[in-house]
């Protein structure tokens, strides 16, 4: 291991303390590092070039920090270590006290990798592709400013699922099923499954329920509302303004996120702990 890409939660004193501990450790091992602050939006060309040369990424923060790392490191097939610094943390497997133990296991090649499905989101306007983004968690379509119901038509492949008049809609991966989709009443999926979760946000119909669909066919959403500020957001971090007539396509990506794991706790252990599933 020659170069570690450290993704740092913005404005976090705890993350800065962990950064000092990690860089001291890497220096003793004669391993170089770069630091990429987690933030909204895209990174610049210089940072992309640095990232492509990394052997591994360490995300110091919470799930948001790891989502940023996933979007920027996974395209280069770089594994990610998720260190949870105190938030809810469904994706970040390791506690801060386990950081150096985890790094020792990686150097000794004693780790394994948990592969997570990602999604490609494409927006077509006037039959031309206007925007594309890849995410680990979800796509959310909703309004900004004044809250108004929006009208969406949703397909799985060529099959019409239905029309939704709602505050918006979420299309989540299994990893993202414990995020916004869960708050909207969606089910929890085991993260190694291959499926989409479609969850309408506060639909104006008691019959509109979350739906699990296979990834063999893409999801298509048609924008049928006019004169509203409507936004498509991927992983809560990158966004695109939508217009009437836009077609949004969601596909299973060829890119996967590889999370470093020591199998010290299972997904069910994490969910049971975070959601307080106790008798």
Protein backbone atom coordinates (compact mmCIF):
# COMPACT_ATOMS: atom_id res chain seq x y z
CA UNK A 1 0.00 0.00 0.00
CA UNK A 2 1.56 3.24 -1.21
CA UNK A 3 -1.11 5.95 -1.12
CA UNK A 4 -4.21 6.41 1.09
CA UNK A 5 -6.98 8.84 0.20
CA UNK A 6 -8.45 10.27 3.41
CA UNK A 7 -11.95 11.73 3.10
CA UNK A 8 -12.59 14.12 5.95
CA UNK A 9 -15.95 15.21 7.33
CA UNK A 10 -16.19 18.97 6.98
CA UNK A 11 -15.99 21.11 10.15
CA UNK A 12 -15.64 18.15 12.51
CA UNK A 13 -13.18 18.40 15.40
CA UNK A 14 -13.47 14.67 16.02
CA UNK A 15 -12.57 13.98 12.39
CA UNK A 16 -9.52 16.24 12.72
CA UNK A 17 -8.42 14.33 15.84
CA UNK A 18 -8.76 11.02 13.97
CA UNK A 19 -6.93 12.51 10.99
CA UNK A 20 -3.94 13.35 13.22
CA UNK A 21 -3.90 9.80 14.61
CA UNK A 22 -4.18 8.23 11.15
CA UNK A 23 -1.52 10.39 9.47
CA UNK A 24 0.88 9.72 12.34
CA UNK A 25 0.31 5.98 11.87
CA UNK A 26 0.76 6.18 8.08
CA UNK A 27 3.94 8.23 8.49
CA UNK A 28 5.43 5.57 10.75
CA UNK A 29 4.63 2.97 8.07
CA UNK A 30 6.10 5.23 5.34
CA UNK A 31 2.74 5.30 3.52
CA UNK A 32 1.79 8.51 1.70
CA UNK A 33 -1.65 10.10 1.94
CA UNK A 34 -3.85 12.78 0.41
CA UNK A 35 -6.74 14.58 2.12
CA UNK A 36 -10.04 15.25 0.33
CA UNK A 37 -12.64 17.24 2.34
CA UNK A 38 -16.18 15.86 2.06
CA UNK A 39 -18.55 18.43 0.57
CA UNK A 40 -21.55 18.98 -1.65
CA UNK A 41 -21.10 19.07 -5.41
CA UNK A 42 -18.26 17.86 -7.60
CA UNK A 43 -14.50 17.74 -7.11
CA UNK A 44 -11.96 19.34 -9.43
CA UNK A 45 -9.69 17.72 -12.03
CA UNK A 46 -6.59 17.87 -9.80
CA UNK A 47 -8.37 15.97 -7.00
CA UNK A 48 -9.68 13.37 -9.49
CA UNK A 49 -6.14 12.72 -10.70
CA UNK A 50 -4.92 12.29 -7.12
CA UNK A 51 -7.80 9.97 -6.24
CA UNK A 52 -7.16 7.68 -9.21
CA UNK A 53 -3.69 6.87 -7.83
CA UNK A 54 -4.90 5.78 -4.35
CA UNK A 55 -4.77 2.19 -3.15
CA UNK A 56 -7.48 2.65 -0.54
CA UNK A 57 -9.76 5.33 0.87
CA UNK A 58 -10.52 6.02 4.54
CA UNK A 59 -13.73 7.98 5.22
CA UNK A 60 -13.63 9.76 8.59
CA UNK A 61 -17.14 10.91 9.46
CA UNK A 62 -20.51 9.30 8.97
CA UNK A 63 -22.62 7.86 6.18
CA UNK A 64 -22.58 11.19 4.30
CA UNK A 65 -18.78 11.19 4.25
CA UNK A 66 -18.73 7.61 3.00
CA UNK A 67 -21.29 8.44 0.26
CA UNK A 68 -18.99 11.22 -0.93
CA UNK A 69 -16.09 8.75 -0.96
CA UNK A 70 -18.17 6.15 -2.83
CA UNK A 71 -19.09 8.55 -5.63
CA UNK A 72 -15.50 9.68 -6.10
CA UNK A 73 -13.37 6.58 -5.38
CA UNK A 74 -15.53 3.66 -6.55
CA UNK A 75 -15.23 4.57 -10.23
CA UNK A 76 -11.53 3.63 -9.86
CA UNK A 77 -12.38 0.39 -8.00
CA UNK A 78 -10.70 1.73 -4.84
CA UNK A 79 -11.89 0.07 -1.59
CA UNK A 80 -13.27 2.26 1.18
CA UNK A 81 -12.89 2.03 4.97
CA UNK A 82 -15.85 3.66 6.70
CA UNK A 83 -15.10 5.06 10.19
CA UNK A 84 -18.22 6.16 12.07
CA UNK A 85 -17.59 9.20 14.26
CA UNK A 86 -20.81 9.25 16.21
CA UNK A 87 -23.85 9.57 13.91
CA UNK A 88 -26.45 6.96 13.02
CA UNK A 89 -24.00 5.23 10.65
CA UNK A 90 -25.62 2.30 8.84
CA UNK A 91 -22.89 2.05 6.18
CA UNK A 92 -19.78 2.91 8.17
CA UNK A 93 -18.86 -0.43 9.76
CA UNK A 94 -16.01 0.61 12.04
CA UNK A 95 -16.03 2.57 15.28
CA UNK A 96 -13.31 5.19 15.76
CA UNK A 97 -11.54 2.95 18.29
CA UNK A 98 -11.10 0.31 15.55
CA UNK A 99 -9.32 2.53 13.01
CA UNK A 100 -5.73 1.40 13.59
CA UNK A 101 -6.75 -2.25 14.03
CA UNK A 102 -8.48 -2.04 10.67
CA UNK A 103 -5.43 -0.48 9.01
CA UNK A 104 -3.18 -3.23 10.40
CA UNK A 105 -5.51 -5.87 8.94
CA UNK A 106 -5.42 -4.14 5.54
CA UNK A 107 -1.63 -3.96 5.52
CA UNK A 108 -1.55 -7.66 6.47
CA UNK A 109 -4.19 -8.47 3.78
CA UNK A 110 -6.54 -9.93 6.40
CA UNK A 111 -9.54 -7.89 5.29
CA UNK A 112 -12.42 -8.82 3.01
CA UNK A 113 -14.65 -6.66 0.81
CA UNK A 114 -18.38 -6.08 0.92
CA UNK A 115 -19.57 -5.20 -2.60
CA UNK A 116 -22.50 -2.76 -2.82
CA UNK A 117 -24.64 -2.01 -5.84
CA UNK A 118 -24.70 1.56 -7.17
CA UNK A 119 -27.14 3.36 -9.46
CA UNK A 120 -26.64 5.47 -12.58
CA UNK A 121 -29.10 8.35 -12.88
CA UNK A 122 -29.65 9.90 -16.31
CA UNK A 123 -31.86 12.88 -17.16
CA UNK A 124 -33.10 13.23 -20.74
CA UNK A 125 -34.48 16.56 -21.99
CA UNK A 126 -35.89 16.84 -25.52
CA UNK A 127 -34.53 13.33 -26.16
CA UNK A 128 -30.96 14.41 -25.31
CA UNK A 129 -29.07 13.33 -22.21
CA UNK A 130 -28.66 16.43 -20.05
CA UNK A 131 -27.22 15.01 -16.83
CA UNK A 132 -25.71 11.80 -15.48
CA UNK A 133 -24.59 10.89 -11.97
CA UNK A 134 -23.72 7.74 -10.03
CA UNK A 135 -24.76 7.13 -6.43
CA UNK A 136 -24.64 4.53 -3.69
CA UNK A 137 -27.80 5.40 -1.75
CA UNK A 138 -30.63 6.92 -3.73
CA UNK A 139 -32.21 9.34 -6.14
CA UNK A 140 -34.72 11.76 -4.62
CA UNK A 141 -37.09 13.90 -6.69
CA UNK A 142 -38.90 16.63 -4.78
CA UNK A 143 -39.79 20.32 -4.78
CA UNK A 144 -37.82 23.23 -3.46
CA UNK A 145 -39.25 26.40 -1.99
CA UNK A 146 -43.05 26.30 -1.53
CA UNK A 147 -44.25 22.75 -0.88
CA UNK A 148 -46.54 21.59 -3.69
CA UNK A 149 -47.64 18.17 -4.90
CA UNK A 150 -45.91 17.00 -8.05
CA UNK A 151 -47.17 14.54 -10.67
CA UNK A 152 -44.86 11.72 -11.78
CA UNK A 153 -45.35 8.70 -14.03
CA UNK A 154 -43.18 5.71 -13.11
CA UNK A 155 -42.20 2.70 -15.24
CA UNK A 156 -40.17 -0.45 -14.71
CA UNK A 157 -38.79 -1.16 -18.15
CA UNK A 158 -41.76 -0.74 -20.51
CA UNK A 159 -44.30 -1.52 -17.80
CA UNK A 160 -46.24 1.33 -16.23
CA UNK A 161 -46.18 1.09 -12.44
CA UNK A 162 -48.45 4.08 -11.96
CA UNK A 163 -48.89 7.81 -11.59
CA UNK A 164 -47.97 9.39 -8.28
CA UNK A 165 -49.25 12.72 -7.03
CA UNK A 166 -47.01 13.29 -4.03
CA UNK A 167 -44.35 15.46 -2.43
CA UNK A 168 -41.83 13.51 -4.45
CA UNK A 169 -40.36 10.05 -4.93
CA UNK A 170 -37.28 8.08 -3.85
CA UNK A 171 -35.56 5.33 -5.82
CA UNK A 172 -33.12 3.63 -3.45
CA UNK A 173 -30.54 0.87 -3.62
CA UNK A 174 -30.52 -1.82 -0.92
CA UNK A 175 -27.78 0.22 0.81
CA UNK A 176 -29.99 3.30 0.60
CA UNK A 177 -33.02 1.46 1.97
CA UNK A 178 -31.96 2.47 5.51
CA UNK A 179 -31.78 6.18 4.58
CA UNK A 180 -34.51 8.58 3.36
CA UNK A 181 -36.53 5.70 1.92
CA UNK A 182 -36.87 4.18 5.39
CA UNK A 183 -38.18 7.49 6.75
CA UNK A 184 -40.74 7.53 3.91
CA UNK A 185 -42.07 4.13 5.00
CA UNK A 186 -39.96 1.94 2.72
CA UNK A 187 -38.69 -1.53 3.65
CA UNK A 188 -35.17 -2.43 4.77
CA UNK A 189 -33.28 -4.57 2.24
CA UNK A 190 -30.21 -6.66 2.94
CA UNK A 191 -27.47 -4.57 1.27
CA UNK A 192 -26.07 -7.31 -0.99
CA UNK A 193 -29.41 -7.78 -2.75
CA UNK A 194 -29.90 -6.52 -6.32
CA UNK A 195 -33.11 -4.49 -6.30
CA UNK A 196 -34.59 -1.00 -6.42
CA UNK A 197 -36.92 0.37 -3.74
CA UNK A 198 -39.45 2.89 -5.08
CA UNK A 199 -40.92 4.97 -2.24
CA UNK A 200 -43.38 7.83 -2.89
CA UNK A 201 -43.00 10.72 -0.44
CA UNK A 202 -46.31 11.55 1.28
CA UNK A 203 -48.48 10.40 -1.66
CA UNK A 204 -52.00 11.82 -2.05
CA UNK A 205 -53.41 8.29 -2.06
CA UNK A 206 -53.63 5.62 0.61
CA UNK A 207 -53.06 2.99 -2.09
CA UNK A 208 -49.61 4.28 -3.08
CA UNK A 209 -47.10 2.06 -1.28
CA UNK A 210 -43.35 1.44 -1.51
CA UNK A 211 -42.43 -1.17 -4.09
CA UNK A 212 -39.40 -3.43 -4.57
CA UNK A 213 -38.52 -4.11 -8.21
CA UNK A 214 -35.67 -6.09 -9.84
CA UNK A 215 -32.67 -4.37 -11.40
CA UNK A 216 -32.84 -6.29 -14.67
CA UNK A 217 -34.93 -3.44 -16.08
CA UNK A 218 -34.34 0.27 -15.61
CA UNK A 219 -36.71 2.60 -13.80
CA UNK A 220 -38.13 5.46 -15.85
CA UNK A 221 -39.81 8.52 -14.32
CA UNK A 222 -41.62 11.11 -16.42
CA UNK A 223 -41.98 14.65 -15.08
CA UNK A 224 -45.59 15.76 -15.61
CA UNK A 225 -45.70 18.88 -13.40
CA UNK A 226 -45.19 22.41 -14.70
CA UNK A 227 -44.19 25.73 -13.16
CA UNK A 228 -42.58 24.19 -10.07
CA UNK A 229 -39.02 24.12 -8.74
CA UNK A 230 -38.30 20.39 -8.86
CA UNK A 231 -34.90 18.87 -8.16
CA UNK A 232 -33.30 15.47 -8.68
CA UNK A 233 -30.73 14.79 -5.96
CA UNK A 234 -28.32 11.86 -5.80
CA UNK A 235 -27.13 10.73 -2.35
CA UNK A 236 -28.24 14.07 -0.92
CA UNK A 237 -25.10 15.71 -2.35
CA UNK A 238 -25.37 16.45 -6.08
CA UNK A 239 -28.48 17.92 -7.70
CA UNK A 240 -30.05 18.84 -11.04
CA UNK A 241 -33.09 21.05 -11.71
CA UNK A 242 -35.89 19.26 -13.55
CA UNK A 243 -38.43 20.60 -16.05
CA UNK A 244 -41.79 19.50 -17.41
CA UNK A 245 -41.33 16.61 -19.86
CA UNK A 246 -37.97 15.46 -18.50
CA UNK A 247 -37.35 11.72 -18.47
CA UNK A 248 -35.29 10.35 -15.58
CA UNK A 249 -33.76 6.90 -15.97
CA UNK A 250 -32.32 4.90 -13.09
CA UNK A 251 -30.16 1.88 -13.90
CA UNK A 252 -28.04 -0.57 -11.97
CA UNK A 253 -24.52 0.79 -12.44
CA UNK A 254 -21.55 -1.19 -13.69
CA UNK A 255 -19.62 0.53 -10.89
CA UNK A 256 -19.73 -1.06 -7.44
CA UNK A 257 -18.65 0.25 -4.06
CA UNK A 258 -16.18 -2.03 -2.29
CA UNK A 259 -16.34 -1.56 1.48
CA UNK A 260 -13.55 -2.97 3.60
CA UNK A 261 -14.93 -5.40 6.18
CA UNK A 262 -13.49 -7.48 8.99
CA UNK A 263 -16.86 -9.17 9.60
CA UNK A 264 -16.79 -8.18 13.25
CA UNK A 265 -20.50 -7.34 13.05
CA UNK A 266 -23.15 -8.25 10.52
CA UNK A 267 -25.63 -5.94 8.80
CA UNK A 268 -28.30 -7.29 11.16
CA UNK A 269 -26.13 -6.47 14.17
CA UNK A 270 -25.83 -2.89 12.92
CA UNK A 271 -29.55 -2.51 12.16
CA UNK A 272 -30.52 -4.05 15.50
CA UNK A 273 -28.23 -1.63 17.31
CA UNK A 274 -29.17 1.50 15.37
CA UNK A 275 -32.93 0.89 15.39
CA UNK A 276 -33.01 -0.46 18.94
CA UNK A 277 -34.69 -3.75 18.04
CA UNK A 278 -35.10 -5.06 21.58
CA UNK A 279 -37.77 -7.09 23.29
